[in-house]
């Protein structure tokens, strides 16, 4: 089996597998995305607060 034949076979098999996937509904996809984005925002705020506190402690130690 040649190189290009294997690539074509891989693409055909991938398409067949994608047809078997049960995709989420639009509402489910949107609500899941909102939850993920919300978690990212909360976690970013948390990490920023920790970073700020560590900076304050280090600046106090240096003085």
N, C-alpha and C. Protein backbone atom coordinates (compact mmCIF):
# COMPACT_ATOMS: atom_id res chain seq x y z
N UNK A 1 0.85 -1.18 0.00
CA UNK A 1 0.00 0.00 0.00
C UNK A 1 0.89 1.24 0.00
N UNK A 2 0.68 2.11 -0.97
CA UNK A 2 1.50 3.30 -1.09
C UNK A 2 1.16 4.36 -0.06
N UNK A 3 2.02 5.35 -0.01
CA UNK A 3 1.87 6.44 0.95
C UNK A 3 0.54 7.16 0.77
N UNK A 4 0.24 7.55 -0.46
CA UNK A 4 -0.99 8.29 -0.72
C UNK A 4 -2.23 7.43 -0.52
N UNK A 5 -2.13 6.16 -0.81
CA UNK A 5 -3.26 5.25 -0.57
C UNK A 5 -3.58 5.17 0.91
N UNK A 6 -2.53 5.14 1.74
CA UNK A 6 -2.76 5.10 3.19
C UNK A 6 -3.40 6.39 3.68
N UNK A 7 -2.98 7.52 3.12
CA UNK A 7 -3.58 8.80 3.51
C UNK A 7 -5.06 8.83 3.14
N UNK A 8 -5.38 8.43 1.92
CA UNK A 8 -6.77 8.41 1.47
C UNK A 8 -7.59 7.46 2.34
N UNK A 9 -7.04 6.30 2.66
CA UNK A 9 -7.73 5.33 3.50
C UNK A 9 -7.97 5.91 4.90
N UNK A 10 -6.97 6.59 5.43
CA UNK A 10 -7.11 7.22 6.75
C UNK A 10 -8.23 8.26 6.74
N UNK A 11 -8.28 9.08 5.71
CA UNK A 11 -9.31 10.12 5.62
C UNK A 11 -10.70 9.49 5.51
N UNK A 12 -10.83 8.44 4.69
CA UNK A 12 -12.12 7.76 4.56
C UNK A 12 -12.57 7.17 5.89
N UNK A 13 -11.64 6.51 6.60
CA UNK A 13 -11.99 5.92 7.89
C UNK A 13 -12.34 6.99 8.92
N UNK A 14 -11.64 8.12 8.87
CA UNK A 14 -11.94 9.22 9.80
C UNK A 14 -13.33 9.78 9.56
N UNK A 15 -13.70 9.93 8.30
CA UNK A 15 -15.04 10.44 7.97
C UNK A 15 -16.11 9.47 8.45
N UNK A 16 -15.87 8.17 8.28
CA UNK A 16 -16.84 7.17 8.75
C UNK A 16 -16.99 7.22 10.27
N UNK A 17 -15.89 7.40 10.98
CA UNK A 17 -15.97 7.49 12.45
C UNK A 17 -16.69 8.76 12.88
N UNK A 18 -16.47 9.87 12.18
CA UNK A 18 -17.15 11.12 12.53
C UNK A 18 -18.65 11.03 12.31
N UNK A 19 -19.08 10.20 11.37
CA UNK A 19 -20.51 10.01 11.15
C UNK A 19 -21.17 9.27 12.31
N UNK A 20 -20.38 8.51 13.08
CA UNK A 20 -20.90 7.74 14.21
C UNK A 20 -21.01 8.57 15.49
N UNK A 21 -20.41 9.75 15.49
CA UNK A 21 -20.38 10.58 16.70
C UNK A 21 -21.77 11.13 17.00
N UNK A 22 -22.14 11.12 18.27
CA UNK A 22 -23.38 11.76 18.71
C UNK A 22 -23.03 13.17 19.14
N UNK A 23 -23.37 14.14 18.32
CA UNK A 23 -23.01 15.52 18.59
C UNK A 23 -24.02 16.13 19.56
N UNK A 24 -23.57 17.04 20.43
CA UNK A 24 -24.50 17.68 21.38
C UNK A 24 -25.43 18.64 20.65
N UNK A 25 -26.57 18.90 21.29
CA UNK A 25 -27.49 19.88 20.71
C UNK A 25 -26.88 21.28 20.86
N UNK A 26 -27.47 22.23 20.14
CA UNK A 26 -26.97 23.60 20.19
C UNK A 26 -27.05 24.14 21.61
N UNK A 27 -28.17 23.89 22.30
CA UNK A 27 -28.34 24.39 23.67
C UNK A 27 -27.31 23.78 24.62
N UNK A 28 -27.05 22.49 24.48
CA UNK A 28 -26.06 21.83 25.33
C UNK A 28 -24.67 22.39 25.07
N UNK A 29 -24.34 22.59 23.81
CA UNK A 29 -23.02 23.12 23.46
C UNK A 29 -22.84 24.53 24.01
N UNK A 30 -23.89 25.35 23.90
CA UNK A 30 -23.80 26.72 24.40
C UNK A 30 -23.68 26.74 25.92
N UNK A 31 -24.50 25.95 26.61
CA UNK A 31 -24.45 25.97 28.07
C UNK A 31 -23.11 25.42 28.57
N UNK A 32 -22.58 24.41 27.93
CA UNK A 32 -21.27 23.88 28.32
C UNK A 32 -20.18 24.92 28.08
N UNK A 33 -20.27 25.63 26.97
CA UNK A 33 -19.28 26.66 26.67
C UNK A 33 -19.33 27.78 27.69
N UNK A 34 -20.54 28.18 28.10
CA UNK A 34 -20.68 29.24 29.10
C UNK A 34 -20.07 28.80 30.43
N UNK A 35 -20.30 27.55 30.82
CA UNK A 35 -19.72 27.04 32.07
C UNK A 35 -18.20 27.06 32.00
N UNK A 36 -17.64 26.61 30.89
CA UNK A 36 -16.18 26.57 30.74
C UNK A 36 -15.60 27.98 30.77
N UNK A 37 -16.21 28.90 30.03
CA UNK A 37 -15.71 30.27 30.01
C UNK A 37 -15.83 30.91 31.39
N UNK A 38 -16.93 30.65 32.08
CA UNK A 38 -17.10 31.17 33.44
C UNK A 38 -16.03 30.63 34.37
N UNK A 39 -15.75 29.34 34.29
CA UNK A 39 -14.71 28.75 35.12
C UNK A 39 -13.35 29.37 34.82
N UNK A 40 -13.06 29.58 33.56
CA UNK A 40 -11.78 30.19 33.17
C UNK A 40 -11.66 31.59 33.76
N UNK A 41 -12.73 32.38 33.69
CA UNK A 41 -12.70 33.74 34.23
C UNK A 41 -12.48 33.71 35.74
N UNK A 42 -13.22 32.86 36.44
CA UNK A 42 -13.07 32.76 37.90
C UNK A 42 -11.66 32.31 38.26
N UNK A 43 -11.14 31.32 37.56
CA UNK A 43 -9.81 30.82 37.85
C UNK A 43 -8.74 31.87 37.55
N UNK A 44 -8.93 32.66 36.48
CA UNK A 44 -7.99 33.72 36.15
C UNK A 44 -7.98 34.79 37.24
N UNK A 45 -9.16 35.14 37.75
CA UNK A 45 -9.24 36.11 38.84
C UNK A 45 -8.55 35.56 40.08
N UNK A 46 -8.79 34.28 40.39
CA UNK A 46 -8.16 33.64 41.54
C UNK A 46 -6.63 33.66 41.41
N UNK A 47 -6.12 33.29 40.25
CA UNK A 47 -4.67 33.29 40.05
C UNK A 47 -4.09 34.70 40.11
N UNK A 48 -4.82 35.67 39.59
CA UNK A 48 -4.36 37.06 39.67
C UNK A 48 -4.28 37.52 41.11
N UNK A 49 -5.26 37.15 41.93
CA UNK A 49 -5.25 37.52 43.34
C UNK A 49 -4.07 36.86 44.06
N UNK A 50 -3.83 35.60 43.79
CA UNK A 50 -2.68 34.90 44.40
C UNK A 50 -1.38 35.57 43.98
N UNK A 51 -1.25 35.89 42.71
CA UNK A 51 -0.05 36.56 42.20
C UNK A 51 0.15 37.90 42.89
N UNK A 52 -0.92 38.65 43.05
CA UNK A 52 -0.84 39.96 43.70
C UNK A 52 -0.41 39.81 45.16
N UNK A 53 -0.97 38.82 45.86
CA UNK A 53 -0.60 38.59 47.25
C UNK A 53 0.86 38.17 47.38
N UNK A 54 1.32 37.30 46.50
CA UNK A 54 2.73 36.89 46.53
C UNK A 54 3.63 38.08 46.26
N UNK A 55 3.24 38.93 45.34
CA UNK A 55 4.02 40.13 45.05
C UNK A 55 4.11 41.02 46.28
N UNK A 56 2.98 41.21 46.98
CA UNK A 56 3.00 42.04 48.18
C UNK A 56 3.92 41.46 49.25
N UNK A 57 3.86 40.17 49.44
CA UNK A 57 4.72 39.52 50.44
C UNK A 57 6.19 39.66 50.06
N UNK A 58 6.51 39.43 48.81
CA UNK A 58 7.91 39.54 48.38
C UNK A 58 8.42 40.97 48.49
N UNK A 59 7.59 41.93 48.13
CA UNK A 59 8.00 43.33 48.26
C UNK A 59 8.21 43.70 49.72
N UNK A 60 7.37 43.18 50.61
CA UNK A 60 7.53 43.45 52.04
C UNK A 60 8.82 42.81 52.56
N UNK A 61 9.17 41.64 52.06
CA UNK A 61 10.39 40.98 52.50
C UNK A 61 11.64 41.68 51.99
N UNK A 62 11.56 42.26 50.81
CA UNK A 62 12.72 42.93 50.22
C UNK A 62 13.01 44.25 50.93
N UNK A 63 11.98 44.93 51.41
CA UNK A 63 12.18 46.24 52.06
C UNK A 63 12.85 46.12 53.36
